[in-house]
N, C-alpha and C. Protein backbone atom coordinates (compact mmCIF):
# COMPACT_ATOMS: atom_id res chain seq x y z
N MET A 1 208.72 101.35 77.08
CA MET A 1 208.91 102.55 77.86
C MET A 1 207.55 103.20 78.13
N LYS A 2 207.28 103.45 79.39
CA LYS A 2 206.03 104.08 79.78
C LYS A 2 206.20 105.60 79.78
N LEU A 3 205.26 106.28 79.12
CA LEU A 3 205.31 107.74 79.08
C LEU A 3 204.88 108.33 80.42
N PRO A 4 205.50 109.44 80.81
CA PRO A 4 205.00 110.13 82.01
C PRO A 4 203.55 110.55 81.78
N GLU A 5 202.76 110.54 82.84
CA GLU A 5 201.32 110.84 82.72
C GLU A 5 201.07 112.21 82.08
N TRP A 6 201.87 113.22 82.43
CA TRP A 6 201.66 114.56 81.86
C TRP A 6 201.87 114.56 80.35
N LEU A 7 202.87 113.77 79.88
CA LEU A 7 203.14 113.72 78.45
C LEU A 7 202.05 112.93 77.73
N TYR A 8 201.63 111.83 78.32
CA TYR A 8 200.55 111.03 77.73
C TYR A 8 199.29 111.88 77.61
N SER A 9 198.99 112.63 78.67
CA SER A 9 197.81 113.48 78.67
C SER A 9 197.89 114.54 77.57
N ARG A 10 199.07 115.13 77.41
CA ARG A 10 199.27 116.16 76.38
C ARG A 10 199.11 115.57 74.98
N LEU A 11 199.73 114.41 74.75
CA LEU A 11 199.62 113.75 73.44
C LEU A 11 198.19 113.33 73.16
N ALA A 12 197.49 112.88 74.18
CA ALA A 12 196.10 112.46 74.01
C ALA A 12 195.22 113.60 73.52
N LYS A 13 195.61 114.84 73.83
CA LYS A 13 194.85 116.00 73.36
C LYS A 13 195.36 116.51 72.01
N ASP A 14 196.67 116.55 71.85
CA ASP A 14 197.26 117.15 70.65
C ASP A 14 197.15 116.30 69.40
N VAL A 15 197.35 114.99 69.52
CA VAL A 15 197.34 114.13 68.34
C VAL A 15 195.95 114.10 67.67
N PRO A 16 194.85 113.90 68.43
CA PRO A 16 193.54 113.95 67.76
C PRO A 16 193.24 115.31 67.13
N ALA A 17 193.66 116.39 67.77
CA ALA A 17 193.43 117.72 67.20
C ALA A 17 194.17 117.88 65.88
N LEU A 18 195.40 117.41 65.84
CA LEU A 18 196.18 117.45 64.60
C LEU A 18 195.55 116.58 63.51
N HIS A 19 195.07 115.41 63.90
CA HIS A 19 194.41 114.51 62.96
C HIS A 19 193.17 115.18 62.37
N ARG A 20 192.35 115.77 63.24
CA ARG A 20 191.14 116.48 62.78
C ARG A 20 191.49 117.60 61.80
N ARG A 21 192.51 118.39 62.14
CA ARG A 21 192.92 119.49 61.26
C ARG A 21 193.40 118.99 59.90
N LEU A 22 194.21 117.95 59.90
CA LEU A 22 194.70 117.36 58.65
C LEU A 22 193.52 116.90 57.79
N TRP A 23 192.56 116.24 58.40
CA TRP A 23 191.37 115.76 57.69
C TRP A 23 190.62 116.94 57.09
N ARG A 24 190.40 117.98 57.89
CA ARG A 24 189.62 119.14 57.43
C ARG A 24 190.36 119.91 56.33
N ILE A 25 191.65 120.15 56.52
CA ILE A 25 192.43 120.92 55.54
C ILE A 25 192.45 120.24 54.18
N THR A 26 192.50 118.90 54.19
CA THR A 26 192.61 118.16 52.93
C THR A 26 191.26 117.62 52.45
N SER A 27 190.19 118.05 53.08
CA SER A 27 188.84 117.57 52.75
C SER A 27 188.77 116.04 52.78
N GLY A 28 189.46 115.45 53.74
CA GLY A 28 189.40 114.00 53.92
C GLY A 28 190.34 113.19 53.05
N ARG A 29 191.13 113.86 52.19
CA ARG A 29 192.07 113.10 51.35
C ARG A 29 193.17 112.47 52.18
N PHE A 30 193.51 113.12 53.31
CA PHE A 30 194.50 112.58 54.23
C PHE A 30 193.86 112.45 55.60
N GLY A 31 194.25 111.42 56.32
CA GLY A 31 193.73 111.23 57.66
C GLY A 31 192.71 110.13 57.78
N TRP A 32 192.20 109.65 56.65
CA TRP A 32 191.18 108.61 56.72
C TRP A 32 191.77 107.21 56.80
N ARG A 33 193.07 107.07 56.51
CA ARG A 33 193.70 105.76 56.58
C ARG A 33 195.14 105.92 57.05
N LEU A 34 195.56 105.00 57.91
CA LEU A 34 196.95 104.91 58.34
C LEU A 34 197.34 103.45 58.17
N GLY A 35 198.13 103.18 57.15
CA GLY A 35 198.43 101.78 56.81
C GLY A 35 197.15 101.07 56.41
N GLU A 36 196.85 99.99 57.07
CA GLU A 36 195.62 99.24 56.79
C GLU A 36 194.45 99.65 57.67
N VAL A 37 194.68 100.59 58.57
CA VAL A 37 193.65 100.99 59.53
C VAL A 37 192.86 102.17 58.98
N GLU A 38 191.54 102.01 58.94
CA GLU A 38 190.64 103.07 58.47
C GLU A 38 190.19 103.92 59.66
N PHE A 39 190.13 105.22 59.43
CA PHE A 39 189.68 106.15 60.46
C PHE A 39 188.40 106.83 60.01
N CYS A 40 187.70 107.41 60.97
CA CYS A 40 186.54 108.24 60.71
C CYS A 40 186.61 109.43 61.65
N LEU A 41 185.80 110.42 61.36
CA LEU A 41 185.58 111.50 62.31
C LEU A 41 184.18 111.29 62.86
N LEU A 42 184.07 111.17 64.15
CA LEU A 42 182.79 110.98 64.82
C LEU A 42 182.44 112.29 65.52
N THR A 43 181.27 112.83 65.18
CA THR A 43 180.80 114.03 65.86
C THR A 43 179.62 113.66 66.73
N THR A 44 179.78 113.93 68.01
CA THR A 44 178.72 113.69 68.99
C THR A 44 178.27 115.04 69.55
N ILE A 45 177.20 115.02 70.30
CA ILE A 45 176.74 116.21 71.00
C ILE A 45 177.18 116.08 72.46
N GLY A 46 177.90 117.09 72.95
CA GLY A 46 178.40 117.05 74.32
C GLY A 46 177.29 116.85 75.33
N GLN A 47 177.48 115.92 76.23
CA GLN A 47 176.42 115.59 77.19
C GLN A 47 176.10 116.74 78.14
N ARG A 48 177.07 117.57 78.45
CA ARG A 48 176.84 118.71 79.34
C ARG A 48 176.70 120.02 78.58
N THR A 49 177.49 120.19 77.52
CA THR A 49 177.51 121.48 76.82
C THR A 49 176.46 121.59 75.73
N GLY A 50 176.06 120.45 75.16
CA GLY A 50 175.15 120.49 74.02
C GLY A 50 175.83 120.91 72.73
N GLN A 51 177.16 121.06 72.76
CA GLN A 51 177.93 121.50 71.60
C GLN A 51 178.49 120.29 70.85
N PRO A 52 178.66 120.41 69.52
CA PRO A 52 179.26 119.30 68.76
C PRO A 52 180.72 119.08 69.14
N ARG A 53 181.09 117.83 69.24
CA ARG A 53 182.46 117.42 69.57
C ARG A 53 182.89 116.38 68.55
N THR A 54 184.02 116.62 67.89
CA THR A 54 184.49 115.73 66.83
C THR A 54 185.78 115.04 67.24
N THR A 55 185.79 113.73 67.06
CA THR A 55 186.93 112.90 67.47
C THR A 55 187.32 111.95 66.34
N PRO A 56 188.60 111.87 65.98
CA PRO A 56 189.04 110.86 65.02
C PRO A 56 189.15 109.51 65.73
N LEU A 57 188.60 108.49 65.10
CA LEU A 57 188.58 107.15 65.70
C LEU A 57 188.85 106.10 64.64
N VAL A 58 189.32 104.95 65.09
CA VAL A 58 189.45 103.79 64.20
C VAL A 58 188.04 103.31 63.88
N LEU A 59 187.76 103.12 62.60
CA LEU A 59 186.48 102.61 62.14
C LEU A 59 186.68 101.18 61.70
N ILE A 60 185.88 100.28 62.24
CA ILE A 60 186.01 98.87 61.90
C ILE A 60 184.77 98.44 61.13
N ARG A 61 185.02 97.80 59.98
CA ARG A 61 183.94 97.32 59.12
C ARG A 61 183.95 95.80 59.10
N THR A 62 182.77 95.24 59.22
CA THR A 62 182.60 93.81 58.96
C THR A 62 181.61 93.69 57.81
N ASN A 63 181.26 92.48 57.43
CA ASN A 63 180.25 92.30 56.38
C ASN A 63 178.88 92.78 56.83
N THR A 64 178.68 92.86 58.14
CA THR A 64 177.34 93.18 58.65
C THR A 64 177.23 94.52 59.37
N CYS A 65 178.35 95.12 59.77
CA CYS A 65 178.21 96.37 60.53
C CYS A 65 179.48 97.21 60.53
N LEU A 66 179.30 98.45 60.98
CA LEU A 66 180.41 99.36 61.28
C LEU A 66 180.44 99.49 62.79
N PHE A 67 181.66 99.53 63.36
CA PHE A 67 181.72 99.74 64.80
C PHE A 67 182.98 100.46 65.23
N LEU A 68 182.91 100.99 66.46
CA LEU A 68 184.00 101.73 67.10
C LEU A 68 184.29 101.07 68.44
N VAL A 69 185.50 101.27 68.93
CA VAL A 69 185.89 100.70 70.22
C VAL A 69 186.16 101.85 71.18
N ALA A 70 185.48 101.84 72.32
CA ALA A 70 185.60 102.91 73.31
C ALA A 70 186.73 102.60 74.29
N SER A 71 187.95 102.49 73.77
CA SER A 71 189.08 102.03 74.58
C SER A 71 189.68 103.11 75.47
N ASN A 72 189.73 104.34 74.99
CA ASN A 72 190.38 105.44 75.70
C ASN A 72 191.80 105.06 76.11
N GLY A 73 192.47 104.34 75.22
CA GLY A 73 193.86 103.95 75.47
C GLY A 73 194.06 103.04 76.66
N GLY A 74 192.98 102.36 77.10
CA GLY A 74 193.08 101.48 78.25
C GLY A 74 192.89 102.19 79.58
N SER A 75 192.48 103.44 79.52
CA SER A 75 192.21 104.20 80.75
C SER A 75 191.03 103.58 81.49
N ASP A 76 190.98 103.82 82.79
CA ASP A 76 189.84 103.35 83.58
C ASP A 76 188.60 104.22 83.36
N ARG A 77 188.76 105.34 82.65
CA ARG A 77 187.65 106.24 82.35
C ARG A 77 187.15 105.99 80.93
N TYR A 78 185.85 106.08 80.76
CA TYR A 78 185.28 106.00 79.42
C TYR A 78 185.67 107.25 78.64
N PRO A 79 185.85 107.13 77.33
CA PRO A 79 186.14 108.34 76.54
C PRO A 79 184.92 109.26 76.53
N ASN A 80 185.17 110.55 76.45
CA ASN A 80 184.06 111.52 76.43
C ASN A 80 183.11 111.27 75.28
N TRP A 81 183.64 110.93 74.10
CA TRP A 81 182.76 110.71 72.95
C TRP A 81 181.75 109.60 73.24
N TYR A 82 182.18 108.59 73.99
CA TYR A 82 181.31 107.47 74.33
C TYR A 82 180.19 107.94 75.27
N LEU A 83 180.57 108.68 76.29
CA LEU A 83 179.57 109.20 77.23
C LEU A 83 178.58 110.13 76.51
N ASN A 84 179.09 110.91 75.57
CA ASN A 84 178.23 111.80 74.79
C ASN A 84 177.19 111.01 74.00
N LEU A 85 177.63 109.95 73.30
CA LEU A 85 176.68 109.24 72.44
C LEU A 85 175.72 108.37 73.23
N VAL A 86 176.09 107.99 74.45
CA VAL A 86 175.14 107.27 75.29
C VAL A 86 173.95 108.18 75.59
N LYS A 87 174.23 109.46 75.83
CA LYS A 87 173.16 110.42 76.11
C LYS A 87 172.47 110.90 74.82
N HIS A 88 173.24 111.12 73.77
CA HIS A 88 172.72 111.62 72.49
C HIS A 88 173.18 110.66 71.38
N PRO A 89 172.41 109.61 71.08
CA PRO A 89 172.89 108.56 70.17
C PRO A 89 172.89 108.90 68.68
N ILE A 90 172.33 110.04 68.30
CA ILE A 90 172.40 110.43 66.89
C ILE A 90 173.74 111.14 66.70
N VAL A 91 174.56 110.62 65.79
CA VAL A 91 175.92 111.12 65.58
C VAL A 91 176.13 111.41 64.10
N THR A 92 177.19 112.14 63.82
CA THR A 92 177.62 112.33 62.43
C THR A 92 178.91 111.55 62.26
N LEU A 93 178.97 110.79 61.19
CA LEU A 93 180.13 109.97 60.90
C LEU A 93 180.70 110.42 59.56
N GLU A 94 181.97 110.81 59.57
CA GLU A 94 182.66 111.17 58.33
C GLU A 94 183.65 110.08 58.01
N MET A 95 183.47 109.51 56.82
CA MET A 95 184.38 108.49 56.31
C MET A 95 184.91 109.03 55.00
N LYS A 96 185.86 108.35 54.41
CA LYS A 96 186.37 108.83 53.13
C LYS A 96 185.20 108.98 52.15
N GLY A 97 185.01 110.19 51.70
CA GLY A 97 184.00 110.45 50.69
C GLY A 97 182.56 110.53 51.16
N ALA A 98 182.31 110.44 52.46
CA ALA A 98 180.93 110.48 52.93
C ALA A 98 180.83 111.13 54.30
N ARG A 99 179.74 111.85 54.49
CA ARG A 99 179.39 112.41 55.79
C ARG A 99 177.92 112.10 56.01
N VAL A 100 177.63 111.29 57.03
CA VAL A 100 176.28 110.79 57.22
C VAL A 100 175.85 110.89 58.68
N SER A 101 174.55 111.03 58.87
CA SER A 101 173.98 110.98 60.21
C SER A 101 173.65 109.53 60.50
N ARG A 102 173.99 109.08 61.70
CA ARG A 102 173.79 107.68 62.06
C ARG A 102 173.35 107.58 63.52
N TYR A 103 172.90 106.40 63.87
CA TYR A 103 172.51 106.06 65.23
C TYR A 103 173.61 105.19 65.83
N ALA A 104 174.09 105.54 67.00
CA ALA A 104 175.14 104.78 67.67
C ALA A 104 174.56 104.10 68.90
N ARG A 105 174.85 102.81 69.01
CA ARG A 105 174.36 102.08 70.19
C ARG A 105 175.46 101.19 70.74
N VAL A 106 175.41 100.98 72.02
CA VAL A 106 176.39 100.12 72.67
C VAL A 106 176.02 98.67 72.36
N ALA A 107 177.01 97.91 71.93
CA ALA A 107 176.78 96.50 71.60
C ALA A 107 176.38 95.73 72.85
N SER A 108 175.50 94.75 72.65
CA SER A 108 175.18 93.85 73.75
C SER A 108 176.42 93.03 74.08
N GLU A 109 176.40 92.35 75.20
CA GLU A 109 177.57 91.54 75.59
C GLU A 109 177.86 90.46 74.55
N SER A 110 176.82 89.83 74.01
CA SER A 110 177.06 88.78 73.00
C SER A 110 177.60 89.39 71.71
N GLU A 111 177.11 90.56 71.32
CA GLU A 111 177.65 91.24 70.14
C GLU A 111 179.10 91.63 70.36
N ARG A 112 179.40 92.14 71.56
CA ARG A 112 180.75 92.55 71.88
C ARG A 112 181.72 91.37 71.80
N ILE A 113 181.31 90.25 72.37
CA ILE A 113 182.15 89.05 72.33
C ILE A 113 182.40 88.61 70.89
N ALA A 114 181.37 88.69 70.06
CA ALA A 114 181.51 88.29 68.65
C ALA A 114 182.39 89.25 67.86
N LEU A 115 182.31 90.56 68.17
CA LEU A 115 183.05 91.57 67.40
C LEU A 115 184.47 91.82 67.90
N TRP A 116 184.75 91.49 69.16
CA TRP A 116 186.06 91.82 69.73
C TRP A 116 187.23 91.24 68.93
N PRO A 117 187.18 89.99 68.47
CA PRO A 117 188.32 89.48 67.69
C PRO A 117 188.61 90.30 66.43
N GLU A 118 187.57 90.82 65.79
CA GLU A 118 187.76 91.65 64.61
C GLU A 118 188.42 92.98 65.00
N ALA A 119 188.03 93.53 66.15
CA ALA A 119 188.66 94.76 66.65
C ALA A 119 190.15 94.52 66.85
N GLU A 120 190.52 93.42 67.47
CA GLU A 120 191.93 93.11 67.70
C GLU A 120 192.68 92.80 66.41
N ARG A 121 191.98 92.24 65.44
CA ARG A 121 192.61 91.97 64.15
C ARG A 121 192.98 93.29 63.46
N VAL A 122 192.07 94.26 63.52
CA VAL A 122 192.30 95.56 62.89
C VAL A 122 193.36 96.34 63.64
N TYR A 123 193.31 96.31 64.98
CA TYR A 123 194.30 97.03 65.78
C TYR A 123 194.62 96.20 67.03
N ALA A 124 195.78 95.57 67.02
CA ALA A 124 196.17 94.66 68.10
C ALA A 124 196.26 95.37 69.46
N GLY A 125 196.45 96.68 69.45
CA GLY A 125 196.55 97.43 70.70
C GLY A 125 195.31 97.32 71.58
N TYR A 126 194.15 97.02 71.00
CA TYR A 126 192.94 96.92 71.82
C TYR A 126 193.07 95.83 72.88
N GLY A 127 193.72 94.73 72.54
CA GLY A 127 193.92 93.66 73.53
C GLY A 127 194.73 94.14 74.71
N ALA A 128 195.80 94.89 74.43
CA ALA A 128 196.63 95.44 75.51
C ALA A 128 195.84 96.45 76.33
N TYR A 129 195.01 97.25 75.67
CA TYR A 129 194.20 98.22 76.39
C TYR A 129 193.25 97.51 77.35
N GLN A 130 192.63 96.40 76.91
CA GLN A 130 191.69 95.69 77.77
C GLN A 130 192.40 95.13 79.00
N LEU A 131 193.64 94.67 78.82
CA LEU A 131 194.40 94.14 79.96
C LEU A 131 194.79 95.24 80.94
N LYS A 132 194.89 96.46 80.46
CA LYS A 132 195.34 97.60 81.26
C LYS A 132 194.25 98.14 82.19
N THR A 133 192.99 97.84 81.91
CA THR A 133 191.88 98.41 82.69
C THR A 133 190.97 97.32 83.24
N ASP A 134 190.28 97.67 84.33
CA ASP A 134 189.31 96.74 84.91
C ASP A 134 187.94 96.86 84.24
N ARG A 135 187.70 97.97 83.55
CA ARG A 135 186.39 98.12 82.91
C ARG A 135 186.35 97.28 81.64
N VAL A 136 185.18 96.83 81.29
CA VAL A 136 185.01 96.14 80.02
C VAL A 136 184.93 97.22 78.94
N ILE A 137 185.82 97.16 77.97
CA ILE A 137 185.84 98.18 76.92
C ILE A 137 184.65 97.96 75.99
N PRO A 138 183.77 98.95 75.89
CA PRO A 138 182.58 98.80 75.06
C PRO A 138 182.88 98.89 73.56
N ILE A 139 182.02 98.25 72.82
CA ILE A 139 181.98 98.39 71.37
C ILE A 139 180.70 99.15 71.04
N VAL A 140 180.82 100.11 70.12
CA VAL A 140 179.68 100.92 69.71
C VAL A 140 179.37 100.59 68.25
N ILE A 141 178.16 100.14 68.02
CA ILE A 141 177.72 99.79 66.67
C ILE A 141 177.05 101.02 66.05
N ILE A 142 177.44 101.29 64.81
CA ILE A 142 176.90 102.43 64.07
C ILE A 142 175.86 101.89 63.08
N GLU A 143 174.65 102.43 63.17
CA GLU A 143 173.55 101.94 62.33
C GLU A 143 172.83 103.09 61.65
N GLU A 144 171.98 102.75 60.69
CA GLU A 144 171.08 103.74 60.12
C GLU A 144 170.22 104.29 61.25
N ASP A 145 169.87 105.55 61.16
CA ASP A 145 169.02 106.17 62.18
C ASP A 145 167.64 105.53 62.15
N PRO A 146 167.23 104.83 63.23
CA PRO A 146 165.93 104.17 63.23
C PRO A 146 164.76 105.12 63.38
N ASN A 147 165.06 106.38 63.72
CA ASN A 147 164.01 107.35 63.98
C ASN A 147 164.40 108.69 63.39
N PRO A 148 164.46 108.80 62.03
CA PRO A 148 164.94 110.04 61.41
C PRO A 148 164.19 111.26 61.91
N GLY A 149 164.94 112.36 62.05
CA GLY A 149 164.32 113.62 62.48
C GLY A 149 164.27 113.78 63.98
N SER A 150 164.74 112.78 64.72
CA SER A 150 164.71 112.88 66.17
C SER A 150 166.11 112.69 66.74
N SER A 151 166.41 113.39 67.82
CA SER A 151 167.71 113.19 68.48
C SER A 151 167.54 112.30 69.69
N GLU A 152 166.38 111.72 69.84
CA GLU A 152 166.10 110.89 71.01
C GLU A 152 166.31 109.41 70.70
N ARG A 153 166.64 108.66 71.71
CA ARG A 153 166.79 107.22 71.62
C ARG A 153 165.40 106.60 71.40
N PRO A 154 165.29 105.63 70.50
CA PRO A 154 164.00 104.97 70.33
C PRO A 154 163.59 104.25 71.60
N ARG A 155 162.30 104.18 71.83
CA ARG A 155 161.81 103.53 73.07
C ARG A 155 161.47 102.10 72.82
């Protein structure tokens, strides 16, 4: 069953807000995991406003990296958090028991191809989202800040 666009739009705003509140109220005891899926709170700096914006997202861990998928539910538009971190790549990542400053970068095409199967393993919906849109859904790799003390992208 396909949801009406107005309802999908409303849920897309309300569910993340509720998730954020649950996380904050319980100091992260609830909201960091749903079944086998791990979540994080990603705080970016708004590309136009300069204000912090916090979004709950699926966090995917491999032996070598942490990453996020900029799916936006298969929309043809990139999620705002993705556009924010492209402009301001220093982000705050809250995971169970930790809040850290990190550097976020868009995976190269070869990295994306290598990581995509793990994304689908963690959440099968990503495959359906990719089929729903013409854009290539980016993967964002979260790394240690290569340039501590700066909010600028390394040159």
